[in-house]
């Protein structure tokens, strides 16, 4: 979250990507950092024990949302 806020404040589009388990924490952190509208995309939880193939599938599933978030 800190990095995305820094990039956004400096005019560089960014998107936070995190596990869905952290939706509330990301919202609170974005508010605390002064940029509640920072773009966020969440992947299904859990990710810690996901195989490489499962992680690729999770990434493939959100790539369109990432592009949309960066270009809208």
PDB file of N, CA and C in Angstrom:
ATOM      1  N   UNK A   1       0.812  -1.177   0.000  1.00  0.00           N
ATOM      2  CA  UNK A   1       0.000   0.000   0.000  1.00  0.00           C
ATOM      3  C   UNK A   1       0.868   1.258   0.000  1.00  0.00           C
ATOM      4  N   UNK A   2       1.893   1.264   0.834  1.00  0.00           N
ATOM      5  CA  UNK A   2       2.767   2.445   0.895  1.00  0.00           C
ATOM      6  C   UNK A   2       3.361   2.762  -0.478  1.00  0.00           C
ATOM      7  N   UNK A   3       3.835   1.734  -1.175  1.00  0.00           N
ATOM      8  CA  UNK A   3       4.452   1.967  -2.477  1.00  0.00           C
ATOM      9  C   UNK A   3       3.450   2.531  -3.476  1.00  0.00           C
ATOM     10  N   UNK A   4       2.255   1.959  -3.524  1.00  0.00           N
ATOM     11  CA  UNK A   4       1.253   2.461  -4.466  1.00  0.00           C
ATOM     12  C   UNK A   4       0.873   3.899  -4.166  1.00  0.00           C
ATOM     13  N   UNK A   5       0.711   4.234  -2.911  1.00  0.00           N
ATOM     14  CA  UNK A   5       0.401   5.614  -2.553  1.00  0.00           C
ATOM     15  C   UNK A   5       1.546   6.525  -2.981  1.00  0.00           C
ATOM     16  N   UNK A   6       2.783   6.117  -2.732  1.00  0.00           N
ATOM     17  CA  UNK A   6       3.929   6.928  -3.133  1.00  0.00           C
ATOM     18  C   UNK A   6       3.929   7.147  -4.643  1.00  0.00           C
ATOM     19  N   UNK A   7       3.738   6.060  -5.412  1.00  0.00           N
ATOM     20  CA  UNK A   7       3.708   6.198  -6.868  1.00  0.00           C
ATOM     21  C   UNK A   7       2.591   7.138  -7.309  1.00  0.00           C
ATOM     22  N   UNK A   8       1.406   6.958  -6.759  1.00  0.00           N
ATOM     23  CA  UNK A   8       0.276   7.795  -7.143  1.00  0.00           C
ATOM     24  C   UNK A   8       0.527   9.265  -6.822  1.00  0.00           C
ATOM     25  N   UNK A   9       1.043   9.543  -5.643  1.00  0.00           N
ATOM     26  CA  UNK A   9       1.341  10.925  -5.246  1.00  0.00           C
ATOM     27  C   UNK A   9       2.368  11.540  -6.195  1.00  0.00           C
ATOM     28  N   UNK A  10       3.231  10.714  -6.749  1.00  0.00           N
ATOM     29  CA  UNK A  10       4.262  11.189  -7.669  1.00  0.00           C
ATOM     30  C   UNK A  10       3.858  11.042  -9.133  1.00  0.00           C
ATOM     31  N   UNK A  11       2.554  10.876  -9.376  1.00  0.00           N
ATOM     32  CA  UNK A  11       2.044  10.893 -10.740  1.00  0.00           C
ATOM     33  C   UNK A  11       2.224   9.622 -11.532  1.00  0.00           C
ATOM     34  N   UNK A  12       2.497   8.532 -10.866  1.00  0.00           N
ATOM     35  CA  UNK A  12       2.698   7.259 -11.556  1.00  0.00           C
ATOM     36  C   UNK A  12       1.556   6.310 -11.184  1.00  0.00           C
ATOM     37  N   UNK A  13       0.745   5.912 -12.152  1.00  0.00           N
ATOM     38  CA  UNK A  13      -0.375   5.019 -11.850  1.00  0.00           C
ATOM     39  C   UNK A  13       0.111   3.700 -11.258  1.00  0.00           C
ATOM     40  N   UNK A  14      -0.632   3.206 -10.281  1.00  0.00           N
ATOM     41  CA  UNK A  14      -0.293   1.922  -9.679  1.00  0.00           C
ATOM     42  C   UNK A  14      -1.558   1.266  -9.157  1.00  0.00           C
ATOM     43  N   UNK A  15      -1.445  -0.019  -8.878  1.00  0.00           N
ATOM     44  CA  UNK A  15      -2.550  -0.795  -8.336  1.00  0.00           C
ATOM     45  C   UNK A  15      -1.995  -1.718  -7.263  1.00  0.00           C
ATOM     46  N   UNK A  16      -2.642  -1.724  -6.119  1.00  0.00           N
ATOM     47  CA  UNK A  16      -2.290  -2.664  -5.060  1.00  0.00           C
ATOM     48  C   UNK A  16      -2.912  -4.007  -5.419  1.00  0.00           C
ATOM     49  N   UNK A  17      -2.133  -5.067  -5.351  1.00  0.00           N
ATOM     50  CA  UNK A  17      -2.643  -6.430  -5.542  1.00  0.00           C
ATOM     51  C   UNK A  17      -2.418  -7.164  -4.232  1.00  0.00           C
ATOM     52  N   UNK A  18      -3.497  -7.711  -3.691  1.00  0.00           N
ATOM     53  CA  UNK A  18      -3.399  -8.393  -2.404  1.00  0.00           C
ATOM     54  C   UNK A  18      -4.423  -9.511  -2.336  1.00  0.00           C
ATOM     55  N   UNK A  19      -4.243 -10.349  -1.350  1.00  0.00           N
ATOM     56  CA  UNK A  19      -5.189 -11.424  -1.077  1.00  0.00           C
ATOM     57  C   UNK A  19      -6.496 -10.837  -0.558  1.00  0.00           C
ATOM     58  N   UNK A  20      -7.602 -11.457  -0.911  1.00  0.00           N
ATOM     59  CA  UNK A  20      -8.915 -10.993  -0.494  1.00  0.00           C
ATOM     60  C   UNK A  20      -9.071 -10.957   1.023  1.00  0.00           C
ATOM     61  N   UNK A  21      -8.227 -11.651   1.735  1.00  0.00           N
ATOM     62  CA  UNK A  21      -8.291 -11.627   3.195  1.00  0.00           C
ATOM     63  C   UNK A  21      -7.926 -10.258   3.755  1.00  0.00           C
ATOM     64  N   UNK A  22      -7.347  -9.396   2.924  1.00  0.00           N
ATOM     65  CA  UNK A  22      -6.852  -8.111   3.401  1.00  0.00           C
ATOM     66  C   UNK A  22      -7.652  -6.915   2.890  1.00  0.00           C
ATOM     67  N   UNK A  23      -8.881  -7.143   2.452  1.00  0.00           N
ATOM     68  CA  UNK A  23      -9.707  -6.051   1.938  1.00  0.00           C
ATOM     69  C   UNK A  23      -9.876  -4.955   2.989  1.00  0.00           C
ATOM     70  N   UNK A  24     -10.312  -5.319   4.175  1.00  0.00           N
ATOM     71  CA  UNK A  24     -10.544  -4.315   5.220  1.00  0.00           C
ATOM     72  C   UNK A  24      -9.255  -3.617   5.630  1.00  0.00           C
ATOM     73  N   UNK A  25      -8.175  -4.389   5.759  1.00  0.00           N
ATOM     74  CA  UNK A  25      -6.890  -3.802   6.147  1.00  0.00           C
ATOM     75  C   UNK A  25      -6.395  -2.833   5.071  1.00  0.00           C
ATOM     76  N   UNK A  26      -6.577  -3.185   3.807  1.00  0.00           N
ATOM     77  CA  UNK A  26      -6.132  -2.307   2.719  1.00  0.00           C
ATOM     78  C   UNK A  26      -6.931  -1.011   2.717  1.00  0.00           C
ATOM     79  N   UNK A  27      -8.227  -1.113   2.962  1.00  0.00           N
ATOM     80  CA  UNK A  27      -9.055   0.082   3.012  1.00  0.00           C
ATOM     81  C   UNK A  27      -8.612   1.005   4.150  1.00  0.00           C
ATOM     82  N   UNK A  28      -8.384   0.430   5.311  1.00  0.00           N
ATOM     83  CA  UNK A  28      -7.939   1.228   6.467  1.00  0.00           C
ATOM     84  C   UNK A  28      -6.572   1.847   6.208  1.00  0.00           C
ATOM     85  N   UNK A  29      -5.675   1.086   5.625  1.00  0.00           N
ATOM     86  CA  UNK A  29      -4.327   1.589   5.346  1.00  0.00           C
ATOM     87  C   UNK A  29      -4.373   2.719   4.330  1.00  0.00           C
ATOM     88  N   UNK A  30      -5.180   2.565   3.291  1.00  0.00           N
ATOM     89  CA  UNK A  30      -5.295   3.610   2.271  1.00  0.00           C
ATOM     90  C   UNK A  30      -5.804   4.902   2.892  1.00  0.00           C
ATOM     91  N   UNK A  31      -6.804   4.797   3.751  1.00  0.00           N
ATOM     92  CA  UNK A  31      -7.314   5.992   4.441  1.00  0.00           C
ATOM     93  C   UNK A  31      -6.236   6.603   5.321  1.00  0.00           C
ATOM     94  N   UNK A  32      -5.531   5.775   6.075  1.00  0.00           N
ATOM     95  CA  UNK A  32      -4.492   6.269   6.986  1.00  0.00           C
ATOM     96  C   UNK A  32      -3.370   6.965   6.220  1.00  0.00           C
ATOM     97  N   UNK A  33      -3.097   6.507   5.009  1.00  0.00           N
ATOM     98  CA  UNK A  33      -2.033   7.108   4.200  1.00  0.00           C
ATOM     99  C   UNK A  33      -2.517   8.317   3.409  1.00  0.00           C
ATOM    100  N   UNK A  34      -3.787   8.647   3.543  1.00  0.00           N
ATOM    101  CA  UNK A  34      -4.313   9.844   2.912  1.00  0.00           C
ATOM    102  C   UNK A  34      -4.749   9.688   1.474  1.00  0.00           C
ATOM    103  N   UNK A  35      -4.877   8.458   0.991  1.00  0.00           N
ATOM    104  CA  UNK A  35      -5.306   8.246  -0.387  1.00  0.00           C
ATOM    105  C   UNK A  35      -6.317   7.091  -0.429  1.00  0.00           C
ATOM    106  N   UNK A  36      -7.515   7.339   0.111  1.00  0.00           N
ATOM    107  CA  UNK A  36      -8.490   6.249   0.206  1.00  0.00           C
ATOM    108  C   UNK A  36      -8.922   5.686  -1.146  1.00  0.00           C
ATOM    109  N   UNK A  37      -8.706   6.449  -2.207  1.00  0.00           N
ATOM    110  CA  UNK A  37      -9.119   5.984  -3.532  1.00  0.00           C
ATOM    111  C   UNK A  37      -8.026   5.200  -4.268  1.00  0.00           C
ATOM    112  N   UNK A  38      -6.918   4.915  -3.600  1.00  0.00           N
ATOM    113  CA  UNK A  38      -5.865   4.150  -4.272  1.00  0.00           C
ATOM    114  C   UNK A  38      -6.468   2.863  -4.837  1.00  0.00           C
ATOM    115  N   UNK A  39      -6.074   2.542  -6.055  1.00  0.00           N
ATOM    116  CA  UNK A  39      -6.657   1.402  -6.746  1.00  0.00           C
ATOM    117  C   UNK A  39      -6.178   0.094  -6.134  1.00  0.00           C
ATOM    118  N   UNK A  40      -7.127  -0.856  -6.022  1.00  0.00           N
ATOM    119  CA  UNK A  40      -6.821  -2.145  -5.414  1.00  0.00           C
ATOM    120  C   UNK A  40      -7.506  -3.254  -6.206  1.00  0.00           C
ATOM    121  N   UNK A  41      -6.812  -4.354  -6.356  1.00  0.00           N
ATOM    122  CA  UNK A  41      -7.380  -5.564  -6.951  1.00  0.00           C
ATOM    123  C   UNK A  41      -7.005  -6.713  -6.019  1.00  0.00           C
ATOM    124  N   UNK A  42      -7.995  -7.534  -5.706  1.00  0.00           N
ATOM    125  CA  UNK A  42      -7.763  -8.624  -4.765  1.00  0.00           C
ATOM    126  C   UNK A  42      -7.885  -9.976  -5.458  1.00  0.00           C
ATOM    127  N   UNK A  43      -7.017 -10.886  -5.066  1.00  0.00           N
ATOM    128  CA  UNK A  43      -7.055 -12.263  -5.561  1.00  0.00           C
ATOM    129  C   UNK A  43      -7.658 -13.140  -4.476  1.00  0.00           C
ATOM    130  N   UNK A  44      -8.277 -14.249  -4.871  1.00  0.00           N
ATOM    131  CA  UNK A  44      -8.855 -15.137  -3.868  1.00  0.00           C
ATOM    132  C   UNK A  44      -7.805 -15.632  -2.871  1.00  0.00           C
ATOM    133  N   UNK A  45      -8.230 -15.700  -1.640  1.00  0.00           N
ATOM    134  CA  UNK A  45      -7.390 -16.207  -0.548  1.00  0.00           C
ATOM    135  C   UNK A  45      -7.589 -17.717  -0.461  1.00  0.00           C
ATOM    136  N   UNK A  46      -6.644 -18.502  -0.093  1.00  0.00           N
ATOM    137  CA  UNK A  46      -5.285 -18.142   0.305  1.00  0.00           C
ATOM    138  C   UNK A  46      -4.330 -18.162  -0.880  1.00  0.00           C
ATOM    139  N   UNK A  47      -3.190 -17.527  -0.683  1.00  0.00           N
ATOM    140  CA  UNK A  47      -2.145 -17.582  -1.708  1.00  0.00           C
ATOM    141  C   UNK A  47      -0.859 -18.209  -1.182  1.00  0.00           C
ATOM    142  N   UNK A  48      -0.697 -18.216   0.113  1.00  0.00           N
ATOM    143  CA  UNK A  48       0.556 -18.690   0.707  1.00  0.00           C
ATOM    144  C   UNK A  48       0.927 -20.106   0.267  1.00  0.00           C
ATOM    145  N   UNK A  49      -0.046 -20.991   0.242  1.00  0.00           N
ATOM    146  CA  UNK A  49       0.237 -22.385  -0.103  1.00  0.00           C
ATOM    147  C   UNK A  49      -0.105 -22.741  -1.540  1.00  0.00           C
ATOM    148  N   UNK A  50      -0.407 -21.732  -2.354  1.00  0.00           N
ATOM    149  CA  UNK A  50      -0.779 -21.987  -3.739  1.00  0.00           C
ATOM    150  C   UNK A  50       0.428 -22.469  -4.543  1.00  0.00           C
ATOM    151  N   UNK A  51       0.162 -23.393  -5.442  1.00  0.00           N
ATOM    152  CA  UNK A  51       1.218 -23.872  -6.338  1.00  0.00           C
ATOM    153  C   UNK A  51       1.492 -22.802  -7.393  1.00  0.00           C
ATOM    154  N   UNK A  52       2.561 -22.969  -8.135  1.00  0.00           N
ATOM    155  CA  UNK A  52       2.864 -22.028  -9.215  1.00  0.00           C
ATOM    156  C   UNK A  52       1.713 -21.962 -10.214  1.00  0.00           C
ATOM    157  N   UNK A  53       1.156 -23.121 -10.564  1.00  0.00           N
ATOM    158  CA  UNK A  53       0.036 -23.139 -11.515  1.00  0.00           C
ATOM    159  C   UNK A  53      -1.190 -22.426 -10.950  1.00  0.00           C
ATOM    160  N   UNK A  54      -1.466 -22.602  -9.668  1.00  0.00           N
ATOM    161  CA  UNK A  54      -2.586 -21.913  -9.042  1.00  0.00           C
ATOM    162  C   UNK A  54      -2.358 -20.406  -9.024  1.00  0.00           C
ATOM    163  N   UNK A  55      -1.135 -19.983  -8.754  1.00  0.00           N
ATOM    164  CA  UNK A  55      -0.828 -18.550  -8.760  1.00  0.00           C
ATOM    165  C   UNK A  55      -0.964 -17.968 -10.162  1.00  0.00           C
ATOM    166  N   UNK A  56      -0.534 -18.720 -11.178  1.00  0.00           N
ATOM    167  CA  UNK A  56      -0.706 -18.249 -12.550  1.00  0.00           C
ATOM    168  C   UNK A  56      -2.194 -18.081 -12.884  1.00  0.00           C
ATOM    169  N   UNK A  57      -3.002 -19.028 -12.439  1.00  0.00           N
ATOM    170  CA  UNK A  57      -4.439 -18.953 -12.686  1.00  0.00           C
ATOM    171  C   UNK A  57      -5.036 -17.734 -11.985  1.00  0.00           C
ATOM    172  N   UNK A  58      -4.590 -17.468 -10.767  1.00  0.00           N
ATOM    173  CA  UNK A  58      -5.081 -16.293 -10.043  1.00  0.00           C
ATOM    174  C   UNK A  58      -4.678 -15.016 -10.780  1.00  0.00           C
ATOM    175  N   UNK A  59      -3.457 -14.965 -11.269  1.00  0.00           N
ATOM    176  CA  UNK A  59      -2.988 -13.793 -12.011  1.00  0.00           C
ATOM    177  C   UNK A  59      -3.760 -13.631 -13.317  1.00  0.00           C
ATOM    178  N   UNK A  60      -3.938 -14.731 -14.033  1.00  0.00           N
ATOM    179  CA  UNK A  60      -4.695 -14.670 -15.289  1.00  0.00           C
ATOM    180  C   UNK A  60      -6.108 -14.151 -15.055  1.00  0.00           C
ATOM    181  N   UNK A  61      -6.693 -14.515 -13.925  1.00  0.00           N
ATOM    182  CA  UNK A  61      -8.070 -14.130 -13.631  1.00  0.00           C
ATOM    183  C   UNK A  61      -8.220 -12.642 -13.349  1.00  0.00           C
ATOM    184  N   UNK A  62      -7.155 -11.973 -12.948  1.00  0.00           N
ATOM    185  CA  UNK A  62      -7.279 -10.548 -12.597  1.00  0.00           C
ATOM    186  C   UNK A  62      -6.585  -9.612 -13.565  1.00  0.00           C
ATOM    187  N   UNK A  63      -5.895 -10.120 -14.549  1.00  0.00           N
ATOM    188  CA  UNK A  63      -5.120  -9.234 -15.424  1.00  0.00           C
ATOM    189  C   UNK A  63      -6.007  -8.175 -16.087  1.00  0.00           C
ATOM    190  N   UNK A  64      -7.199  -8.549 -16.491  1.00  0.00           N
ATOM    191  CA  UNK A  64      -8.118  -7.582 -17.086  1.00  0.00           C
ATOM    192  C   UNK A  64      -8.505  -6.481 -16.106  1.00  0.00           C
ATOM    193  N   UNK A  65      -8.737  -6.851 -14.855  1.00  0.00           N
ATOM    194  CA  UNK A  65      -9.068  -5.866 -13.828  1.00  0.00           C
ATOM    195  C   UNK A  65      -7.890  -4.948 -13.551  1.00  0.00           C
ATOM    196  N   UNK A  66      -6.669  -5.482 -13.614  1.00  0.00           N
ATOM    197  CA  UNK A  66      -5.483  -4.647 -13.413  1.00  0.00           C
ATOM    198  C   UNK A  66      -5.360  -3.607 -14.521  1.00  0.00           C
ATOM    199  N   UNK A  67      -5.536  -4.054 -15.739  1.00  0.00           N
ATOM    200  CA  UNK A  67      -5.455  -3.132 -16.871  1.00  0.00           C
ATOM    201  C   UNK A  67      -6.543  -2.064 -16.758  1.00  0.00           C
ATOM    202  N   UNK A  68      -7.745  -2.484 -16.424  1.00  0.00           N
ATOM    203  CA  UNK A  68      -8.856  -1.537 -16.255  1.00  0.00           C
ATOM    204  C   UNK A  68      -8.536  -0.524 -15.162  1.00  0.00           C
ATOM    205  N   UNK A  69      -8.018  -0.997 -14.048  1.00  0.00           N
ATOM    206  CA  UNK A  69      -7.700  -0.100 -12.935  1.00  0.00           C
ATOM    207  C   UNK A  69      -6.622   0.915 -13.325  1.00  0.00           C
ATOM    208  N   UNK A  70      -5.658   0.484 -14.098  1.00  0.00           N
ATOM    209  CA  UNK A  70      -4.570   1.377 -14.493  1.00  0.00           C
ATOM    210  C   UNK A  70      -4.967   2.378 -15.575  1.00  0.00           C
ATOM    211  N   UNK A  71      -5.980   2.046 -16.334  1.00  0.00           N
ATOM    212  CA  UNK A  71      -6.300   2.903 -17.481  1.00  0.00           C
ATOM    213  C   UNK A  71      -7.599   3.687 -17.314  1.00  0.00           C
ATOM    214  N   UNK A  72      -8.257   3.538 -16.186  1.00  0.00           N
ATOM    215  CA  UNK A  72      -9.519   4.275 -16.010  1.00  0.00           C
ATOM    216  C   UNK A  72      -9.337   5.422 -15.034  1.00  0.00           C
TER     217      UNK A  72
END
